[in-house]
Amino acid sequence: MPTDTASGRTRTEEFKLEGGKVLDKIKELIHQGNIRRIILKNEEGKTLIEIPLTLGLVGAALLPIFAAVGALAAVLTRMVIVVEKTEEP
Protein backbone atom coordinates (compact mmCIF):
# COMPACT_ATOMS: atom_id res chain seq x y z
CA MET A 1 0.00 0.00 0.00
CA PRO A 2 1.59 3.31 -1.06
CA THR A 3 2.11 6.06 1.52
CA ASP A 4 3.75 9.48 1.24
CA THR A 5 6.82 10.38 3.28
CA ALA A 6 9.12 13.39 3.32
CA SER A 7 11.55 11.56 1.04
CA GLY A 8 8.99 10.32 -1.49
CA ARG A 9 6.40 7.58 -1.78
CA THR A 10 6.72 4.33 0.07
CA ARG A 11 5.07 1.09 -0.96
CA THR A 12 5.19 -2.40 0.43
CA GLU A 13 5.26 -5.78 -1.27
CA GLU A 14 4.93 -9.24 0.23
CA PHE A 15 6.54 -12.46 -0.93
CA LYS A 16 5.69 -15.90 0.50
CA LEU A 17 8.62 -18.24 0.02
CA GLU A 18 9.96 -21.61 1.07
CA GLY A 19 12.81 -21.36 3.59
CA GLY A 20 15.52 -22.31 1.11
CA LYS A 21 14.62 -19.50 -1.30
CA VAL A 22 14.44 -16.69 1.24
CA LEU A 23 18.13 -15.79 1.32
CA ASP A 24 18.38 -15.62 -2.48
CA LYS A 25 15.32 -13.35 -2.61
CA ILE A 26 16.74 -11.07 0.11
CA LYS A 27 20.01 -10.72 -1.84
CA GLU A 28 18.07 -9.95 -5.02
CA LEU A 29 15.98 -7.29 -3.25
CA ILE A 30 18.99 -5.61 -1.66
CA HIS A 31 20.70 -5.32 -5.04
CA GLN A 32 17.67 -3.45 -6.41
CA GLY A 33 18.75 -0.50 -4.28
CA ASN A 34 15.44 1.20 -3.53
CA ILE A 35 14.62 -0.91 -0.45
CA ARG A 36 14.19 0.92 2.88
CA ARG A 37 13.33 -2.04 5.07
CA ILE A 38 12.85 -5.79 4.89
CA ILE A 39 10.67 -7.57 7.43
CA LEU A 40 10.66 -11.34 7.80
CA LYS A 41 7.55 -12.93 9.27
CA ASN A 42 6.46 -16.47 9.96
CA GLU A 43 3.34 -17.97 8.38
CA GLU A 44 1.17 -16.67 11.23
CA GLY A 45 2.29 -13.09 10.58
CA LYS A 46 4.57 -12.71 13.60
CA THR A 47 7.57 -10.49 12.86
CA LEU A 48 10.83 -12.39 13.28
CA ILE A 49 13.34 -9.78 12.16
CA GLU A 50 13.28 -6.25 10.73
CA ILE A 51 16.21 -5.15 8.59
CA PRO A 52 16.47 -1.41 8.01
CA LEU A 53 18.61 -0.69 4.96
CA THR A 54 20.55 2.50 4.41
CA LEU A 55 22.18 3.80 1.25
CA GLY A 56 25.71 3.01 2.45
CA LEU A 57 25.00 -0.58 3.50
CA VAL A 58 27.09 -2.77 1.21
CA GLY A 59 29.62 -5.59 1.19
CA ALA A 60 30.82 -6.85 4.56
CA ALA A 61 28.10 -4.92 6.42
CA LEU A 62 25.54 -7.29 4.88
CA LEU A 63 27.20 -10.50 6.14
CA PRO A 64 25.53 -10.49 9.59
CA ILE A 65 22.17 -9.89 7.92
CA PHE A 66 22.67 -12.81 5.54
CA ALA A 67 23.76 -15.03 8.46
CA ALA A 68 20.63 -14.17 10.46
CA VAL A 69 18.33 -14.72 7.48
CA GLY A 70 20.06 -18.01 6.67
CA ALA A 71 19.59 -19.23 10.24
CA LEU A 72 15.89 -18.38 10.21
CA ALA A 73 15.40 -19.98 6.80
CA ALA A 74 17.03 -23.19 8.03
CA VAL A 75 14.53 -23.46 10.89
CA LEU A 76 11.33 -22.36 9.19
CA THR A 77 9.75 -24.02 6.17
CA ARG A 78 7.87 -20.94 4.95
CA MET A 79 8.38 -17.26 5.51
CA VAL A 80 6.80 -14.02 4.40
CA ILE A 81 9.08 -11.21 3.25
CA VAL A 82 7.59 -7.74 3.53
CA VAL A 83 9.56 -5.18 1.53
CA GLU A 84 9.24 -1.44 2.03
CA LYS A 85 10.39 0.41 -1.09
CA THR A 86 10.95 4.10 -1.67
CA GLU A 87 9.86 5.65 -4.93
CA GLU A 88 11.20 9.05 -5.92
CA PRO A 89 8.55 11.81 -6.09
PDB file of N, CA and C in Angstrom:
ATOM      1  N   MET A   1       0.843  -1.182   0.000  1.00  0.00           N
ATOM      2  CA  MET A   1       0.000   0.000   0.000  1.00  0.00           C
ATOM      3  C   MET A   1       0.883   1.237   0.000  1.00  0.00           C
ATOM      4  N   PRO A   2       0.763   2.113  -0.985  1.00  0.00           N
ATOM      5  CA  PRO A   2       1.588   3.312  -1.062  1.00  0.00           C
ATOM      6  C   PRO A   2       1.250   4.319   0.025  1.00  0.00           C
ATOM      7  N   THR A   3       2.276   4.962   0.583  1.00  0.00           N
ATOM      8  CA  THR A   3       2.109   6.059   1.521  1.00  0.00           C
ATOM      9  C   THR A   3       3.122   7.124   1.164  1.00  0.00           C
ATOM     10  N   ASP A   4       2.824   8.380   1.520  1.00  0.00           N
ATOM     11  CA  ASP A   4       3.750   9.477   1.236  1.00  0.00           C
ATOM     12  C   ASP A   4       4.602   9.747   2.460  1.00  0.00           C
ATOM     13  N   THR A   5       5.896   9.981   2.233  1.00  0.00           N
ATOM     14  CA  THR A   5       6.821  10.383   3.280  1.00  0.00           C
ATOM     15  C   THR A   5       7.562  11.612   2.806  1.00  0.00           C
ATOM     16  N   ALA A   6       8.375  12.193   3.679  1.00  0.00           N
ATOM     17  CA  ALA A   6       9.122  13.392   3.315  1.00  0.00           C
ATOM     18  C   ALA A   6      10.097  13.107   2.181  1.00  0.00           C
ATOM     19  N   SER A   7      10.570  11.879   2.069  1.00  0.00           N
ATOM     20  CA  SER A   7      11.553  11.560   1.037  1.00  0.00           C
ATOM     21  C   SER A   7      10.938  10.938  -0.211  1.00  0.00           C
ATOM     22  N   GLY A   8       9.634  10.894  -0.307  1.00  0.00           N
ATOM     23  CA  GLY A   8       8.987  10.323  -1.486  1.00  0.00           C
ATOM     24  C   GLY A   8       7.890   9.358  -1.086  1.00  0.00           C
ATOM     25  N   ARG A   9       7.458   8.569  -2.036  1.00  0.00           N
ATOM     26  CA  ARG A   9       6.399   7.583  -1.781  1.00  0.00           C
ATOM     27  C   ARG A   9       7.013   6.286  -1.307  1.00  0.00           C
ATOM     28  N   THR A  10       6.295   5.627  -0.422  1.00  0.00           N
ATOM     29  CA  THR A  10       6.724   4.328   0.071  1.00  0.00           C
ATOM     30  C   THR A  10       5.640   3.324  -0.249  1.00  0.00           C
ATOM     31  N   ARG A  11       6.048   2.153  -0.728  1.00  0.00           N
ATOM     32  CA  ARG A  11       5.072   1.094  -0.957  1.00  0.00           C
ATOM     33  C   ARG A  11       5.639  -0.199  -0.418  1.00  0.00           C
ATOM     34  N   THR A  12       4.754  -1.111  -0.099  1.00  0.00           N
ATOM     35  CA  THR A  12       5.186  -2.396   0.427  1.00  0.00           C
ATOM     36  C   THR A  12       4.756  -3.518  -0.507  1.00  0.00           C
ATOM     37  N   GLU A  13       5.561  -4.564  -0.514  1.00  0.00           N
ATOM     38  CA  GLU A  13       5.258  -5.777  -1.266  1.00  0.00           C
ATOM     39  C   GLU A  13       5.494  -6.956  -0.337  1.00  0.00           C
ATOM     40  N   GLU A  14       4.753  -8.022  -0.558  1.00  0.00           N
ATOM     41  CA  GLU A  14       4.934  -9.240   0.229  1.00  0.00           C
ATOM     42  C   GLU A  14       5.249 -10.406  -0.687  1.00  0.00           C
ATOM     43  N   PHE A  15       6.165 -11.251  -0.217  1.00  0.00           N
ATOM     44  CA  PHE A  15       6.537 -12.465  -0.929  1.00  0.00           C
ATOM     45  C   PHE A  15       6.439 -13.621   0.054  1.00  0.00           C
ATOM     46  N   LYS A  16       5.766 -14.691  -0.324  1.00  0.00           N
ATOM     47  CA  LYS A  16       5.687 -15.897   0.496  1.00  0.00           C
ATOM     48  C   LYS A  16       6.579 -16.942  -0.150  1.00  0.00           C
ATOM     49  N   LEU A  17       7.618 -17.363   0.589  1.00  0.00           N
ATOM     50  CA  LEU A  17       8.616 -18.242   0.016  1.00  0.00           C
ATOM     51  C   LEU A  17       8.929 -19.418   0.930  1.00  0.00           C
ATOM     52  N   GLU A  18       9.430 -20.479   0.321  1.00  0.00           N
ATOM     53  CA  GLU A  18       9.957 -21.605   1.072  1.00  0.00           C
ATOM     54  C   GLU A  18      11.270 -21.157   1.715  1.00  0.00           C
ATOM     55  N   GLY A  19      11.624 -21.749   2.846  1.00  0.00           N
ATOM     56  CA  GLY A  19      12.814 -21.358   3.595  1.00  0.00           C
ATOM     57  C   GLY A  19      14.081 -21.291   2.775  1.00  0.00           C
ATOM     58  N   GLY A  20      14.302 -22.261   1.891  1.00  0.00           N
ATOM     59  CA  GLY A  20      15.520 -22.309   1.111  1.00  0.00           C
ATOM     60  C   GLY A  20      15.663 -21.200   0.090  1.00  0.00           C
ATOM     61  N   LYS A  21      14.585 -20.545  -0.273  1.00  0.00           N
ATOM     62  CA  LYS A  21      14.615 -19.504  -1.301  1.00  0.00           C
ATOM     63  C   LYS A  21      14.676 -18.096  -0.714  1.00  0.00           C
ATOM     64  N   VAL A  22      14.531 -18.000   0.597  1.00  0.00           N
ATOM     65  CA  VAL A  22      14.442 -16.692   1.244  1.00  0.00           C
ATOM     66  C   VAL A  22      15.733 -15.893   1.093  1.00  0.00           C
ATOM     67  N   LEU A  23      16.868 -16.506   1.364  1.00  0.00           N
ATOM     68  CA  LEU A  23      18.133 -15.790   1.318  1.00  0.00           C
ATOM     69  C   LEU A  23      18.427 -15.265  -0.091  1.00  0.00           C
ATOM     70  N   ASP A  24      18.164 -16.075  -1.098  1.00  0.00           N
ATOM     71  CA  ASP A  24      18.379 -15.619  -2.479  1.00  0.00           C
ATOM     72  C   ASP A  24      17.491 -14.423  -2.808  1.00  0.00           C
ATOM     73  N   LYS A  25      16.248 -14.454  -2.352  1.00  0.00           N
ATOM     74  CA  LYS A  25      15.320 -13.350  -2.615  1.00  0.00           C
ATOM     75  C   LYS A  25      15.775 -12.079  -1.894  1.00  0.00           C
ATOM     76  N   ILE A  26      16.251 -12.223  -0.648  1.00  0.00           N
ATOM     77  CA  ILE A  26      16.742 -11.068   0.110  1.00  0.00           C
ATOM     78  C   ILE A  26      17.916 -10.423  -0.629  1.00  0.00           C
ATOM     79  N   LYS A  27      18.854 -11.244  -1.099  1.00  0.00           N
ATOM     80  CA  LYS A  27      20.008 -10.719  -1.840  1.00  0.00           C
ATOM     81  C   LYS A  27      19.549  -9.986  -3.099  1.00  0.00           C
ATOM     82  N   GLU A  28      18.599 -10.571  -3.801  1.00  0.00           N
ATOM     83  CA  GLU A  28      18.070  -9.950  -5.020  1.00  0.00           C
ATOM     84  C   GLU A  28      17.440  -8.596  -4.704  1.00  0.00           C
ATOM     85  N   LEU A  29      16.653  -8.533  -3.627  1.00  0.00           N
ATOM     86  CA  LEU A  29      15.975  -7.294  -3.252  1.00  0.00           C
ATOM     87  C   LEU A  29      16.970  -6.208  -2.855  1.00  0.00           C
ATOM     88  N   ILE A  30      17.998  -6.584  -2.106  1.00  0.00           N
ATOM     89  CA  ILE A  30      18.988  -5.611  -1.662  1.00  0.00           C
ATOM     90  C   ILE A  30      19.715  -5.008  -2.858  1.00  0.00           C
ATOM     91  N   HIS A  31      19.996  -5.822  -3.862  1.00  0.00           N
ATOM     92  CA  HIS A  31      20.696  -5.324  -5.041  1.00  0.00           C
ATOM     93  C   HIS A  31      19.845  -4.383  -5.880  1.00  0.00           C
ATOM     94  N   GLN A  32      18.527  -4.384  -5.685  1.00  0.00           N
ATOM     95  CA  GLN A  32      17.668  -3.446  -6.414  1.00  0.00           C
ATOM     96  C   GLN A  32      17.942  -2.005  -5.994  1.00  0.00           C
ATOM     97  N   GLY A  33      18.313  -1.814  -4.728  1.00  0.00           N
ATOM     98  CA  GLY A  33      18.755  -0.496  -4.282  1.00  0.00           C
ATOM     99  C   GLY A  33      17.718   0.469  -3.767  1.00  0.00           C
ATOM    100  N   ASN A  34      16.448   0.255  -3.995  1.00  0.00           N
ATOM    101  CA  ASN A  34      15.440   1.204  -3.527  1.00  0.00           C
ATOM    102  C   ASN A  34      14.660   0.661  -2.321  1.00  0.00           C
ATOM    103  N   ILE A  35      15.268  -0.270  -1.606  1.00  0.00           N
ATOM    104  CA  ILE A  35      14.620  -0.906  -0.454  1.00  0.00           C
ATOM    105  C   ILE A  35      14.972  -0.139   0.812  1.00  0.00           C
ATOM    106  N   ARG A  36      13.969   0.236   1.594  1.00  0.00           N
ATOM    107  CA  ARG A  36      14.192   0.916   2.878  1.00  0.00           C
ATOM    108  C   ARG A  36      14.234  -0.059   4.036  1.00  0.00           C
ATOM    109  N   ARG A  37      13.420  -1.097   3.955  1.00  0.00           N
ATOM    110  CA  ARG A  37      13.325  -2.041   5.071  1.00  0.00           C
ATOM    111  C   ARG A  37      12.819  -3.374   4.560  1.00  0.00           C
ATOM    112  N   ILE A  38      13.324  -4.442   5.168  1.00  0.00           N
ATOM    113  CA  ILE A  38      12.852  -5.791   4.890  1.00  0.00           C
ATOM    114  C   ILE A  38      12.403  -6.384   6.218  1.00  0.00           C
ATOM    115  N   ILE A  39      11.215  -6.943   6.218  1.00  0.00           N
ATOM    116  CA  ILE A  39      10.669  -7.568   7.426  1.00  0.00           C
ATOM    117  C   ILE A  39      10.401  -9.030   7.116  1.00  0.00           C
ATOM    118  N   LEU A  40      10.918  -9.911   7.961  1.00  0.00           N
ATOM    119  CA  LEU A  40      10.664 -11.338   7.804  1.00  0.00           C
ATOM    120  C   LEU A  40       9.648 -11.765   8.846  1.00  0.00           C
ATOM    121  N   LYS A  41       8.611 -12.461   8.386  1.00  0.00           N
ATOM    122  CA  LYS A  41       7.548 -12.930   9.272  1.00  0.00           C
ATOM    123  C   LYS A  41       7.364 -14.425   9.086  1.00  0.00           C
ATOM    124  N   ASN A  42       6.810 -15.065  10.120  1.00  0.00           N
ATOM    125  CA  ASN A  42       6.457 -16.470   9.963  1.00  0.00           C
ATOM    126  C   ASN A  42       5.090 -16.557   9.297  1.00  0.00           C
ATOM    127  N   GLU A  43       4.619 -17.779   9.073  1.00  0.00           N
ATOM    128  CA  GLU A  43       3.335 -17.968   8.375  1.00  0.00           C
ATOM    129  C   GLU A  43       2.155 -17.355   9.114  1.00  0.00           C
ATOM    130  N   GLU A  44       2.269 -17.234  10.437  1.00  0.00           N
ATOM    131  CA  GLU A  44       1.171 -16.671  11.228  1.00  0.00           C
ATOM    132  C   GLU A  44       1.193 -15.150  11.248  1.00  0.00           C
ATOM    133  N   GLY A  45       2.207 -14.540  10.640  1.00  0.00           N
ATOM    134  CA  GLY A  45       2.290 -13.094  10.576  1.00  0.00           C
ATOM    135  C   GLY A  45       3.114 -12.450  11.668  1.00  0.00           C
ATOM    136  N   LYS A  46       3.752 -13.255  12.516  1.00  0.00           N
ATOM    137  CA  LYS A  46       4.574 -12.712  13.596  1.00  0.00           C
ATOM    138  C   LYS A  46       5.918 -12.262  13.029  1.00  0.00           C
ATOM    139  N   THR A  47       6.302 -11.028  13.343  1.00  0.00           N
ATOM    140  CA  THR A  47       7.572 -10.485  12.862  1.00  0.00           C
ATOM    141  C   THR A  47       8.728 -11.183  13.557  1.00  0.00           C
ATOM    142  N   LEU A  48       9.658 -11.712  12.756  1.00  0.00           N
ATOM    143  CA  LEU A  48      10.831 -12.394  13.281  1.00  0.00           C
ATOM    144  C   LEU A  48      12.050 -11.487  13.294  1.00  0.00           C
ATOM    145  N   ILE A  49      12.218 -10.697  12.249  1.00  0.00           N
ATOM    146  CA  ILE A  49      13.345  -9.781  12.161  1.00  0.00           C
ATOM    147  C   ILE A  49      12.991  -8.641  11.216  1.00  0.00           C
ATOM    148  N   GLU A  50      13.429  -7.425  11.593  1.00  0.00           N
ATOM    149  CA  GLU A  50      13.280  -6.254  10.730  1.00  0.00           C
ATOM    150  C   GLU A  50      14.677  -5.795  10.362  1.00  0.00           C
ATOM    151  N   ILE A  51      14.900  -5.563   9.081  1.00  0.00           N
ATOM    152  CA  ILE A  51      16.208  -5.153   8.592  1.00  0.00           C
ATOM    153  C   ILE A  51      16.067  -3.782   7.938  1.00  0.00           C
ATOM    154  N   PRO A  52      16.475  -2.721   8.657  1.00  0.00           N
ATOM    155  CA  PRO A  52      16.468  -1.408   8.014  1.00  0.00           C
ATOM    156  C   PRO A  52      17.688  -1.300   7.108  1.00  0.00           C
ATOM    157  N   LEU A  53      17.499  -0.817   5.908  1.00  0.00           N
ATOM    158  CA  LEU A  53      18.605  -0.693   4.958  1.00  0.00           C
ATOM    159  C   LEU A  53      18.878   0.772   4.675  1.00  0.00           C
ATOM    160  N   THR A  54      20.149   1.138   4.702  1.00  0.00           N
ATOM    161  CA  THR A  54      20.550   2.503   4.405  1.00  0.00           C
ATOM    162  C   THR A  54      21.313   2.513   3.093  1.00  0.00           C
ATOM    163  N   LEU A  55      21.513   3.686   2.540  1.00  0.00           N
ATOM    164  CA  LEU A  55      22.180   3.803   1.253  1.00  0.00           C
ATOM    165  C   LEU A  55      23.610   3.270   1.280  1.00  0.00           C
ATOM    166  N   GLY A  56      24.310   3.420   2.398  1.00  0.00           N
ATOM    167  CA  GLY A  56      25.707   3.007   2.452  1.00  0.00           C
ATOM    168  C   GLY A  56      25.922   1.564   2.869  1.00  0.00           C
ATOM    169  N   LEU A  57      24.874   0.794   3.027  1.00  0.00           N
ATOM    170  CA  LEU A  57      24.998  -0.584   3.497  1.00  0.00           C
ATOM    171  C   LEU A  57      25.357  -1.498   2.335  1.00  0.00           C
ATOM    172  N   VAL A  58      26.622  -1.898   2.285  1.00  0.00           N
ATOM    173  CA  VAL A  58      27.090  -2.773   1.208  1.00  0.00           C
ATOM    174  C   VAL A  58      28.149  -3.730   1.738  1.00  0.00           C
ATOM    175  N   GLY A  59      28.492  -4.701   0.925  1.00  0.00           N
ATOM    176  CA  GLY A  59      29.617  -5.594   1.189  1.00  0.00           C
ATOM    177  C   GLY A  59      29.578  -6.299   2.528  1.00  0.00           C
ATOM    178  N   ALA A  60      30.651  -6.135   3.292  1.00  0.00           N
ATOM    179  CA  ALA A  60      30.824  -6.849   4.560  1.00  0.00           C
ATOM    180  C   ALA A  60      29.744  -6.502   5.575  1.00  0.00           C
ATOM    181  N   ALA A  61      29.154  -5.325   5.482  1.00  0.00           N
ATOM    182  CA  ALA A  61      28.100  -4.925   6.417  1.00  0.00           C
ATOM    183  C   ALA A  61      26.864  -5.804   6.272  1.00  0.00           C
ATOM    184  N   LEU A  62      26.709  -6.443   5.120  1.00  0.00           N
ATOM    185  CA  LEU A  62      25.540  -7.294   4.883  1.00  0.00           C
ATOM    186  C   LEU A  62      25.724  -8.723   5.410  1.00  0.00           C
ATOM    187  N   LEU A  63      26.946  -9.121   5.705  1.00  0.00           N
ATOM    188  CA  LEU A  63      27.198 -10.502   6.136  1.00  0.00           C
ATOM    189  C   LEU A  63      26.405 -10.911   7.377  1.00  0.00           C
ATOM    190  N   PRO A  64      26.352 -10.090   8.435  1.00  0.00           N
ATOM    191  CA  PRO A  64      25.531 -10.493   9.593  1.00  0.00           C
ATOM    192  C   PRO A  64      24.048 -10.634   9.251  1.00  0.00           C
ATOM    193  N   ILE A  65      23.568  -9.801   8.342  1.00  0.00           N
ATOM    194  CA  ILE A  65      22.166  -9.886   7.921  1.00  0.00           C
ATOM    195  C   ILE A  65      21.922 -11.201   7.204  1.00  0.00           C
ATOM    196  N   PHE A  66      22.815 -11.552   6.278  1.00  0.00           N
ATOM    197  CA  PHE A  66      22.670 -12.811   5.544  1.00  0.00           C
ATOM    198  C   PHE A  66      22.758 -14.016   6.482  1.00  0.00           C
ATOM    199  N   ALA A  67      23.624 -13.938   7.492  1.00  0.00           N
ATOM    200  CA  ALA A  67      23.757 -15.028   8.461  1.00  0.00           C
ATOM    201  C   ALA A  67      22.463 -15.202   9.262  1.00  0.00           C
ATOM    202  N   ALA A  68      21.877 -14.098   9.693  1.00  0.00           N
ATOM    203  CA  ALA A  68      20.627 -14.166  10.460  1.00  0.00           C
ATOM    204  C   ALA A  68      19.486 -14.712   9.610  1.00  0.00           C
ATOM    205  N   VAL A  69      19.380 -14.244   8.377  1.00  0.00           N
ATOM    206  CA  VAL A  69      18.326 -14.721   7.477  1.00  0.00           C
ATOM    207  C   VAL A  69      18.528 -16.202   7.174  1.00  0.00           C
ATOM    208  N   GLY A  70      19.767 -16.606   6.936  1.00  0.00           N
ATOM    209  CA  GLY A  70      20.058 -18.010   6.666  1.00  0.00           C
ATOM    210  C   GLY A  70      19.684 -18.908   7.833  1.00  0.00           C
ATOM    211  N   ALA A  71      19.947 -18.453   9.053  1.00  0.00           N
ATOM    212  CA  ALA A  71      19.594 -19.235  10.242  1.00  0.00           C
ATOM    213  C   ALA A  71      18.083 -19.386  10.373  1.00  0.00           C
ATOM    214  N   LEU A  72      17.349 -18.306  10.147  1.00  0.00           N
ATOM    215  CA  LEU A  72      15.886 -18.377  10.212  1.00  0.00           C
ATOM    216  C   LEU A  72      15.339 -19.283   9.115  1.00  0.00           C
ATOM    217  N   ALA A  73      15.881 -19.172   7.924  1.00  0.00           N
ATOM    218  CA  ALA A  73      15.403 -19.975   6.798  1.00  0.00           C
ATOM    219  C   ALA A  73      15.656 -21.460   7.025  1.00  0.00           C
ATOM    220  N   ALA A  74      16.717 -21.786   7.752  1.00  0.00           N
ATOM    221  CA  ALA A  74      17.029 -23.186   8.030  1.00  0.00           C
ATOM    222  C   ALA A  74      16.029 -23.800   9.006  1.00  0.00           C
ATOM    223  N   VAL A  75      15.459 -22.974   9.870  1.00  0.00           N
ATOM    224  CA  VAL A  75      14.534 -23.462  10.892  1.00  0.00           C
ATOM    225  C   VAL A  75      13.089 -23.482  10.409  1.00  0.00           C
ATOM    226  N   LEU A  76      12.715 -22.499   9.619  1.00  0.00           N
ATOM    227  CA  LEU A  76      11.326 -22.359   9.187  1.00  0.00           C
ATOM    228  C   LEU A  76      11.139 -22.881   7.766  1.00  0.00           C
ATOM    229  N   THR A  77      10.002 -23.509   7.520  1.00  0.00           N
ATOM    230  CA  THR A  77       9.747 -24.022   6.174  1.00  0.00           C
ATOM    231  C   THR A  77       9.210 -22.951   5.239  1.00  0.00           C
ATOM    232  N   ARG A  78       8.428 -22.016   5.774  1.00  0.00           N
ATOM    233  CA  ARG A  78       7.869 -20.939   4.954  1.00  0.00           C
ATOM    234  C   ARG A  78       7.986 -19.625   5.700  1.00  0.00           C
ATOM    235  N   MET A  79       8.274 -18.587   4.933  1.00  0.00           N
ATOM    236  CA  MET A  79       8.381 -17.256   5.511  1.00  0.00           C
ATOM    237  C   MET A  79       7.723 -16.250   4.584  1.00  0.00           C
ATOM    238  N   VAL A  80       7.351 -15.128   5.165  1.00  0.00           N
ATOM    239  CA  VAL A  80       6.801 -14.018   4.399  1.00  0.00           C
ATOM    240  C   VAL A  80       7.819 -12.890   4.473  1.00  0.00           C
ATOM    241  N   ILE A  81       8.183 -12.359   3.321  1.00  0.00           N
ATOM    242  CA  ILE A  81       9.082 -11.215   3.251  1.00  0.00           C
ATOM    243  C   ILE A  81       8.228 -10.001   2.918  1.00  0.00           C
ATOM    244  N   VAL A  82       8.268  -9.001   3.781  1.00  0.00           N
ATOM    245  CA  VAL A  82       7.592  -7.735   3.527  1.00  0.00           C
ATOM    246  C   VAL A  82       8.680  -6.726   3.172  1.00  0.00           C
ATOM    247  N   VAL A  83       8.556  -6.104   2.022  1.00  0.00           N
ATOM    248  CA  VAL A  83       9.562  -5.182   1.525  1.00  0.00           C
ATOM    249  C   VAL A  83       8.965  -3.788   1.468  1.00  0.00           C
ATOM    250  N   GLU A  84       9.653  -2.840   2.086  1.00  0.00           N
ATOM    251  CA  GLU A  84       9.240  -1.443   2.029  1.00  0.00           C
ATOM    252  C   GLU A  84      10.168  -0.737   1.057  1.00  0.00           C
ATOM    253  N   LYS A  85       9.608  -0.239  -0.036  1.00  0.00           N
ATOM    254  CA  LYS A  85      10.389   0.411  -1.088  1.00  0.00           C
ATOM    255  C   LYS A  85      10.099   1.904  -1.117  1.00  0.00           C
ATOM    256  N   THR A  86      11.111   2.673  -1.505  1.00  0.00           N
ATOM    257  CA  THR A  86      10.949   4.102  -1.674  1.00  0.00           C
ATOM    258  C   THR A  86      10.922   4.412  -3.150  1.00  0.00           C
ATOM    259  N   GLU A  87       9.954   5.198  -3.546  1.00  0.00           N
ATOM    260  CA  GLU A  87       9.863   5.646  -4.928  1.00  0.00           C
ATOM    261  C   GLU A  87      10.094   7.151  -4.923  1.00  0.00           C
ATOM    262  N   GLU A  88      10.912   7.615  -5.836  1.00  0.00           N
ATOM    263  CA  GLU A  88      11.196   9.048  -5.923  1.00  0.00           C
ATOM    264  C   GLU A  88       9.925   9.803  -6.331  1.00  0.00           C
ATOM    265  N   PRO A  89       9.743  11.025  -5.762  1.00  0.00           N
ATOM    266  CA  PRO A  89       8.554  11.813  -6.090  1.00  0.00           C
ATOM    267  C   PRO A  89       8.544  12.303  -7.514  1.00  0.00           C
TER     268      PRO A  89
END
